[in-house]
């Protein structure tokens, strides 16, 4: 089973150039995680995706990064701490990074456990 979080908005200071580091800007995360099927129709038998959302928002709010690649790797590290997650795919989207593209993104996939 896969659980997806789509366009999760995080605010962080991102960019290589000085003008990009002047204030926090939104990045958007598309996250897909593979988890076992729940054994019962109860939240405690599956992944609490609200917990992932809040953990990522809190983690990134006071951080500074040059690269969206680093944001993707940090996101995967946080996801790896959730025992139910077997595999994760993270896309980090930076809107307005280029003049002739709607956005730039990176996509990273990792397996944590079988």
C-alpha atoms as a PDB file:
ATOM      1  CA  UNK A   1       0.000   0.000   0.000  1.00  0.00           C
ATOM      2  CA  UNK A   2       1.204   3.511  -0.782  1.00  0.00           C
ATOM      3  CA  UNK A   3       0.277   6.670   1.105  1.00  0.00           C
ATOM      4  CA  UNK A   4       0.847   9.958  -0.690  1.00  0.00           C
ATOM      5  CA  UNK A   5       1.206  13.481   0.611  1.00  0.00           C
ATOM      6  CA  UNK A   6       0.772  15.891  -2.282  1.00  0.00           C
ATOM      7  CA  UNK A   7       2.201  19.396  -2.497  1.00  0.00           C
ATOM      8  CA  UNK A   8       3.052  19.653   1.191  1.00  0.00           C
ATOM      9  CA  UNK A   9       4.169  23.272   1.580  1.00  0.00           C
ATOM     10  CA  UNK A  10       7.206  23.912   3.737  1.00  0.00           C
ATOM     11  CA  UNK A  11       8.782  27.304   4.369  1.00  0.00           C
ATOM     12  CA  UNK A  12      12.553  27.433   4.393  1.00  0.00           C
ATOM     13  CA  UNK A  13      15.383  29.624   3.211  1.00  0.00           C
ATOM     14  CA  UNK A  14      16.551  28.060  -0.037  1.00  0.00           C
ATOM     15  CA  UNK A  15      18.995  29.096  -2.728  1.00  0.00           C
ATOM     16  CA  UNK A  16      22.596  29.644  -3.672  1.00  0.00           C
ATOM     17  CA  UNK A  17      22.433  33.388  -4.330  1.00  0.00           C
ATOM     18  CA  UNK A  18      22.383  36.026  -1.577  1.00  0.00           C
ATOM     19  CA  UNK A  19      19.044  37.477  -2.744  1.00  0.00           C
ATOM     20  CA  UNK A  20      17.471  34.012  -2.354  1.00  0.00           C
ATOM     21  CA  UNK A  21      18.612  33.850   1.274  1.00  0.00           C
ATOM     22  CA  UNK A  22      16.919  37.074   2.343  1.00  0.00           C
ATOM     23  CA  UNK A  23      13.637  35.434   3.403  1.00  0.00           C
ATOM     24  CA  UNK A  24      11.971  32.045   3.697  1.00  0.00           C
ATOM     25  CA  UNK A  25      10.232  30.793   0.576  1.00  0.00           C
ATOM     26  CA  UNK A  26       7.857  27.912   0.021  1.00  0.00           C
ATOM     27  CA  UNK A  27       8.995  24.577  -1.324  1.00  0.00           C
ATOM     28  CA  UNK A  28       6.521  21.849  -2.142  1.00  0.00           C
ATOM     29  CA  UNK A  29       7.005  18.170  -1.336  1.00  0.00           C
ATOM     30  CA  UNK A  30       5.310  15.264  -3.064  1.00  0.00           C
ATOM     31  CA  UNK A  31       5.855  12.208  -0.921  1.00  0.00           C
ATOM     32  CA  UNK A  32       4.900   8.609  -1.572  1.00  0.00           C
ATOM     33  CA  UNK A  33       5.590   5.979   1.096  1.00  0.00           C
ATOM     34  CA  UNK A  34       5.065   2.247   1.000  1.00  0.00           C
ATOM     35  CA  UNK A  35       3.596   0.786   4.179  1.00  0.00           C
ATOM     36  CA  UNK A  36       2.034  -2.557   5.131  1.00  0.00           C
ATOM     37  CA  UNK A  37      -1.727  -2.936   4.866  1.00  0.00           C
ATOM     38  CA  UNK A  38      -3.412  -2.082   8.182  1.00  0.00           C
ATOM     39  CA  UNK A  39      -4.572  -5.108  10.144  1.00  0.00           C
ATOM     40  CA  UNK A  40      -7.585  -3.239  11.567  1.00  0.00           C
ATOM     41  CA  UNK A  41      -9.595  -0.133  10.727  1.00  0.00           C
ATOM     42  CA  UNK A  42      -7.829   1.898  13.426  1.00  0.00           C
ATOM     43  CA  UNK A  43      -5.265   4.682  13.127  1.00  0.00           C
ATOM     44  CA  UNK A  44      -2.822   2.909  15.427  1.00  0.00           C
ATOM     45  CA  UNK A  45      -2.586   0.099  12.831  1.00  0.00           C
ATOM     46  CA  UNK A  46      -1.230   2.295  10.057  1.00  0.00           C
ATOM     47  CA  UNK A  47       0.955   5.314   9.416  1.00  0.00           C
ATOM     48  CA  UNK A  48      -0.264   8.594  10.882  1.00  0.00           C
ATOM     49  CA  UNK A  49       0.430  10.911   7.950  1.00  0.00           C
ATOM     50  CA  UNK A  50      -0.554  13.984   9.975  1.00  0.00           C
ATOM     51  CA  UNK A  51       2.486  13.254  12.145  1.00  0.00           C
ATOM     52  CA  UNK A  52       4.721  13.217   9.052  1.00  0.00           C
ATOM     53  CA  UNK A  53       3.242  16.497   7.835  1.00  0.00           C
ATOM     54  CA  UNK A  54       3.838  18.294  11.128  1.00  0.00           C
ATOM     55  CA  UNK A  55       7.302  16.825  11.643  1.00  0.00           C
ATOM     56  CA  UNK A  56       8.464  18.033   8.227  1.00  0.00           C
ATOM     57  CA  UNK A  57       6.929  21.503   8.609  1.00  0.00           C
ATOM     58  CA  UNK A  58       8.563  21.926  12.027  1.00  0.00           C
ATOM     59  CA  UNK A  59      11.924  20.553  10.894  1.00  0.00           C
ATOM     60  CA  UNK A  60      12.351  22.845   7.887  1.00  0.00           C
ATOM     61  CA  UNK A  61      10.936  26.111   9.236  1.00  0.00           C
ATOM     62  CA  UNK A  62      14.208  27.517  10.630  1.00  0.00           C
ATOM     63  CA  UNK A  63      16.648  25.857   8.245  1.00  0.00           C
ATOM     64  CA  UNK A  64      18.797  27.333   5.469  1.00  0.00           C
ATOM     65  CA  UNK A  65      19.779  25.395   2.358  1.00  0.00           C
ATOM     66  CA  UNK A  66      21.588  26.086  -0.881  1.00  0.00           C
ATOM     67  CA  UNK A  67      20.212  23.032  -2.695  1.00  0.00           C
ATOM     68  CA  UNK A  68      16.810  21.396  -3.061  1.00  0.00           C
ATOM     69  CA  UNK A  69      18.747  18.128  -3.308  1.00  0.00           C
ATOM     70  CA  UNK A  70      19.697  18.505   0.365  1.00  0.00           C
ATOM     71  CA  UNK A  71      16.061  19.145   1.303  1.00  0.00           C
ATOM     72  CA  UNK A  72      15.120  15.892  -0.448  1.00  0.00           C
ATOM     73  CA  UNK A  73      17.808  13.906   1.377  1.00  0.00           C
ATOM     74  CA  UNK A  74      16.837  15.421   4.744  1.00  0.00           C
ATOM     75  CA  UNK A  75      13.188  14.523   4.048  1.00  0.00           C
ATOM     76  CA  UNK A  76      14.149  10.916   3.312  1.00  0.00           C
ATOM     77  CA  UNK A  77      16.164  10.756   6.525  1.00  0.00           C
ATOM     78  CA  UNK A  78      13.125  11.873   8.539  1.00  0.00           C
ATOM     79  CA  UNK A  79      10.866   9.368   6.735  1.00  0.00           C
ATOM     80  CA  UNK A  80      13.340   6.553   7.459  1.00  0.00           C
ATOM     81  CA  UNK A  81      12.690   7.057  11.187  1.00  0.00           C
ATOM     82  CA  UNK A  82       9.074   5.867  10.816  1.00  0.00           C
ATOM     83  CA  UNK A  83       9.192   2.100  11.340  1.00  0.00           C
ATOM     84  CA  UNK A  84       6.208   1.311   9.113  1.00  0.00           C
ATOM     85  CA  UNK A  85       7.731   2.972   6.037  1.00  0.00           C
ATOM     86  CA  UNK A  86       9.416   0.411   3.787  1.00  0.00           C
ATOM     87  CA  UNK A  87      10.186   2.656   0.835  1.00  0.00           C
ATOM     88  CA  UNK A  88       9.809   6.358   0.068  1.00  0.00           C
ATOM     89  CA  UNK A  89       9.851   8.629  -2.953  1.00  0.00           C
ATOM     90  CA  UNK A  90      10.286  12.368  -2.457  1.00  0.00           C
ATOM     91  CA  UNK A  91       9.924  15.130  -5.014  1.00  0.00           C
ATOM     92  CA  UNK A  92      11.027  18.622  -3.969  1.00  0.00           C
ATOM     93  CA  UNK A  93       9.554  21.436  -6.071  1.00  0.00           C
ATOM     94  CA  UNK A  94      10.942  24.973  -6.205  1.00  0.00           C
ATOM     95  CA  UNK A  95       8.586  27.278  -8.079  1.00  0.00           C
ATOM     96  CA  UNK A  96       9.863  30.363  -9.876  1.00  0.00           C
ATOM     97  CA  UNK A  97      13.483  29.226  -9.936  1.00  0.00           C
ATOM     98  CA  UNK A  98      13.839  29.771 -13.692  1.00  0.00           C
ATOM     99  CA  UNK A  99      12.325  32.362 -15.994  1.00  0.00           C
ATOM    100  CA  UNK A 100      10.874  29.969 -18.570  1.00  0.00           C
ATOM    101  CA  UNK A 101       9.800  27.031 -16.376  1.00  0.00           C
ATOM    102  CA  UNK A 102       6.966  26.808 -13.873  1.00  0.00           C
ATOM    103  CA  UNK A 103       9.274  25.022 -11.426  1.00  0.00           C
ATOM    104  CA  UNK A 104      12.390  22.947 -10.908  1.00  0.00           C
ATOM    105  CA  UNK A 105      12.226  19.665  -9.011  1.00  0.00           C
ATOM    106  CA  UNK A 106      14.306  16.714  -7.923  1.00  0.00           C
ATOM    107  CA  UNK A 107      13.056  13.167  -7.338  1.00  0.00           C
ATOM    108  CA  UNK A 108      14.733  10.694  -4.977  1.00  0.00           C
ATOM    109  CA  UNK A 109      13.656   7.127  -4.118  1.00  0.00           C
ATOM    110  CA  UNK A 110      15.004   5.009  -1.258  1.00  0.00           C
ATOM    111  CA  UNK A 111      14.211   1.620   0.263  1.00  0.00           C
ATOM    112  CA  UNK A 112      14.561   1.414   4.036  1.00  0.00           C
ATOM    113  CA  UNK A 113      13.388  -2.089   4.930  1.00  0.00           C
ATOM    114  CA  UNK A 114      11.718  -5.059   3.287  1.00  0.00           C
END
